[in-house]
Protein backbone atom coordinates (compact mmCIF):
# COMPACT_ATOMS: atom_id res chain seq x y z
CA MET A 1 18.90 -13.32 1.75
CA LEU A 2 17.94 -9.87 1.86
CA ALA A 3 21.46 -9.11 1.67
CA ALA A 4 21.99 -11.10 -1.19
CA LEU A 5 18.90 -9.53 -2.91
CA VAL A 6 20.41 -5.91 -2.31
CA ALA A 7 24.29 -6.93 -3.41
CA TRP A 8 22.47 -8.70 -6.48
CA LEU A 9 20.49 -5.15 -7.45
CA SER A 10 23.53 -3.19 -7.23
CA THR A 11 25.86 -5.38 -9.77
CA SER A 12 23.10 -6.17 -11.98
CA GLY A 13 22.50 -2.83 -13.31
CA ILE A 14 18.70 -2.79 -12.10
CA ALA A 15 19.28 -0.55 -9.61
CA ALA A 16 21.22 2.25 -12.53
CA TRP A 17 18.23 1.63 -14.47
CA ALA A 18 15.82 2.33 -11.67
CA GLY A 19 17.50 5.34 -10.66
CA GLY A 20 18.13 7.17 -13.66
CA GLY A 21 16.69 8.35 -17.59
CA GLY A 22 13.54 9.51 -15.70
CA ILE A 23 12.16 5.90 -14.31
CA TYR A 24 12.74 6.67 -10.63
CA PRO A 25 10.44 9.90 -10.50
CA LEU A 26 7.83 8.16 -12.96
CA ALA A 27 7.67 5.24 -10.69
CA ASN A 28 7.14 7.62 -7.36
CA VAL A 29 4.81 9.18 -9.26
CA VAL A 30 2.78 5.94 -10.73
CA HIS A 31 3.21 4.68 -6.93
CA LEU A 32 1.49 7.41 -5.32
CA PHE A 33 -1.43 7.22 -8.30
CA GLY A 34 -1.87 3.63 -6.63
CA LEU A 35 -2.01 5.16 -3.38
CA VAL A 36 -4.36 7.33 -4.40
CA MET A 37 -6.24 4.18 -5.92
CA LEU A 38 -6.16 2.20 -2.81
CA LEU A 39 -7.00 4.88 -0.09
CA GLY A 40 -9.70 6.76 -2.61
CA GLY A 41 -11.38 3.20 -3.47
CA ILE A 42 -11.32 1.29 -0.08
CA GLY A 43 -11.07 4.53 2.31
CA ILE A 44 -14.70 5.54 1.16
CA VAL A 45 -16.30 1.40 1.43
CA ASP A 46 -14.14 1.85 5.20
CA LEU A 47 -16.06 5.09 6.24
CA ARG A 48 -19.41 4.02 4.80
CA LEU A 49 -19.07 0.96 7.43
CA LEU A 50 -18.06 3.24 10.09
CA GLY A 51 -21.18 4.91 8.99
CA ALA A 52 -20.19 7.58 6.99
CA PHE A 53 -22.90 8.00 3.41
CA PRO A 54 -25.67 6.38 4.96
CA ALA A 55 -27.87 7.12 1.62
CA LEU A 56 -25.24 4.83 0.00
CA PRO A 57 -25.94 1.42 0.46
CA ALA A 58 -22.54 -0.29 1.68
CA ASP A 59 -22.63 -3.75 -0.40
CA ALA A 60 -23.05 -2.10 -3.80
CA LEU A 61 -20.22 1.02 -2.85
CA ALA A 62 -18.01 -1.81 -1.95
CA ARG A 63 -18.92 -3.81 -5.33
CA ALA A 64 -18.05 -0.78 -6.88
CA LEU A 65 -14.99 0.65 -5.50
CA THR A 66 -13.22 -2.63 -3.73
CA PRO A 67 -11.78 -3.03 -7.57
CA VAL A 68 -10.29 0.25 -7.83
CA GLY A 69 -8.72 -0.27 -4.37
CA ILE A 70 -7.25 -3.82 -5.14
CA ALA A 71 -6.04 -2.03 -8.54
CA GLY A 72 -4.43 0.67 -6.70
CA LEU A 73 -2.64 -2.19 -4.56
CA VAL A 74 -1.28 -3.88 -8.10
CA VAL A 75 -0.06 -0.16 -9.40
CA MET A 76 1.78 -0.26 -6.13
CA ALA A 77 2.92 -3.44 -6.08
CA ILE A 78 4.61 -3.57 -9.62
CA SER A 79 6.10 0.56 -8.97
CA GLY A 80 7.36 -0.56 -5.58
CA PRO A 81 10.07 -2.92 -6.41
CA VAL A 82 11.39 -0.32 -9.07
CA LEU A 83 11.96 2.33 -6.47
CA PHE A 84 13.19 0.19 -3.86
CA ALA A 85 15.74 -1.24 -6.35
CA ALA A 86 17.14 2.34 -7.01
CA ASP A 87 18.20 2.83 -3.54
CA ALA A 88 17.48 -0.88 -1.82
CA GLN A 89 21.12 -0.61 -0.19
CA SER A 90 19.62 2.74 2.03
CA LEU A 91 16.02 1.08 2.19
CA VAL A 92 16.72 -2.40 3.91
CA ALA A 93 19.02 -0.19 6.30
CA SER A 94 16.13 1.91 7.13
CA ALA A 95 13.34 1.05 10.45
CA VAL A 96 10.72 3.32 8.44
CA PHE A 97 10.75 1.02 5.86
CA GLY A 98 10.76 -1.87 7.88
CA TRP A 99 7.59 -0.38 9.85
CA LYS A 100 6.48 0.40 6.38
CA LEU A 101 6.17 -3.38 5.36
CA ALA A 102 4.97 -4.60 8.43
CA VAL A 103 1.73 -2.44 8.33
CA ILE A 104 1.25 -3.08 4.40
CA ALA A 105 1.45 -7.18 6.02
CA ALA A 106 -1.01 -6.21 8.96
CA ALA A 107 -3.48 -4.04 6.70
CA LEU A 108 -3.25 -7.20 4.03
CA VAL A 109 -4.18 -10.05 6.84
CA ASN A 110 -7.02 -7.54 8.00
CA ALA A 111 -8.48 -7.04 4.17
CA ALA A 112 -8.56 -11.13 4.21
CA ALA A 113 -9.85 -11.57 7.77
CA PHE A 114 -12.60 -8.97 6.48
CA ARG A 115 -13.29 -10.67 3.57
CA TRP A 116 -13.27 -14.36 4.72
CA LEU A 117 -14.59 -13.68 8.51
CA LEU A 118 -15.56 -10.27 9.06
CA ARG A 119 -18.16 -9.75 6.42
CA GLU A 120 -20.77 -9.74 8.69
CA GLY A 121 -21.57 -8.37 12.12
CA PRO A 122 -19.45 -6.15 14.53
CA GLY A 123 -16.26 -7.47 13.57
CA ARG A 124 -16.39 -5.27 10.46
CA ARG A 125 -16.73 -1.95 12.00
CA ALA A 126 -13.54 -3.12 13.87
CA ALA A 127 -11.61 -4.23 10.07
CA ALA A 128 -12.69 -0.93 8.58
CA VAL A 129 -11.28 1.17 11.47
CA VAL A 130 -8.13 -1.33 11.29
CA SER A 131 -7.76 -0.52 7.16
CA LEU A 132 -8.46 3.06 7.36
CA SER A 133 -5.58 3.39 9.60
CA ALA A 134 -3.17 0.56 8.23
CA TRP A 135 -3.48 2.42 4.72
CA ALA A 136 -3.58 5.98 5.78
CA SER A 137 0.09 5.00 7.99
CA VAL A 138 1.51 3.16 4.83
CA ALA A 139 1.12 6.89 3.15
CA VAL A 140 2.66 8.50 6.13
CA LEU A 141 5.17 6.03 6.61
CA GLY A 142 6.04 5.99 2.79
CA ARG A 143 6.55 9.30 2.75
CA MET A 144 8.75 9.71 6.15
CA ILE A 145 11.43 7.32 4.14
CA ALA A 146 12.63 10.46 2.20
CA TYR A 147 13.43 11.64 5.85
CA SER A 148 14.81 8.98 7.64
């Protein structure tokens, strides 16, 4: 199925559009902006859950910053496929890209578990560690794709 998607992208003209005319650099900047929003929003909440910024109420901070993080994730979900379309052939062959997708999936499962299961109690600290580690790893893996 993935091979069919890559073949279709290559022949549809989408790859040429995504890779040319300034679209790719723009999508790259937008993707980075989304990552900053995600890590800036969710990362601060995670740090608070781990004991940083004790003067700030954790629940109020989460209510204020979680929407910023979610918006960043949406921005990345829109710009990521454009970046993928521009270089699908090499990305599907990249182990680093595969790891990035796997870590994104783990981070999303962790976020869902936190939202529905771990909101209270000792599990929330572990979820915060996993969240910070996973999203930071996604950022590093994203950069490492260029070198793989």
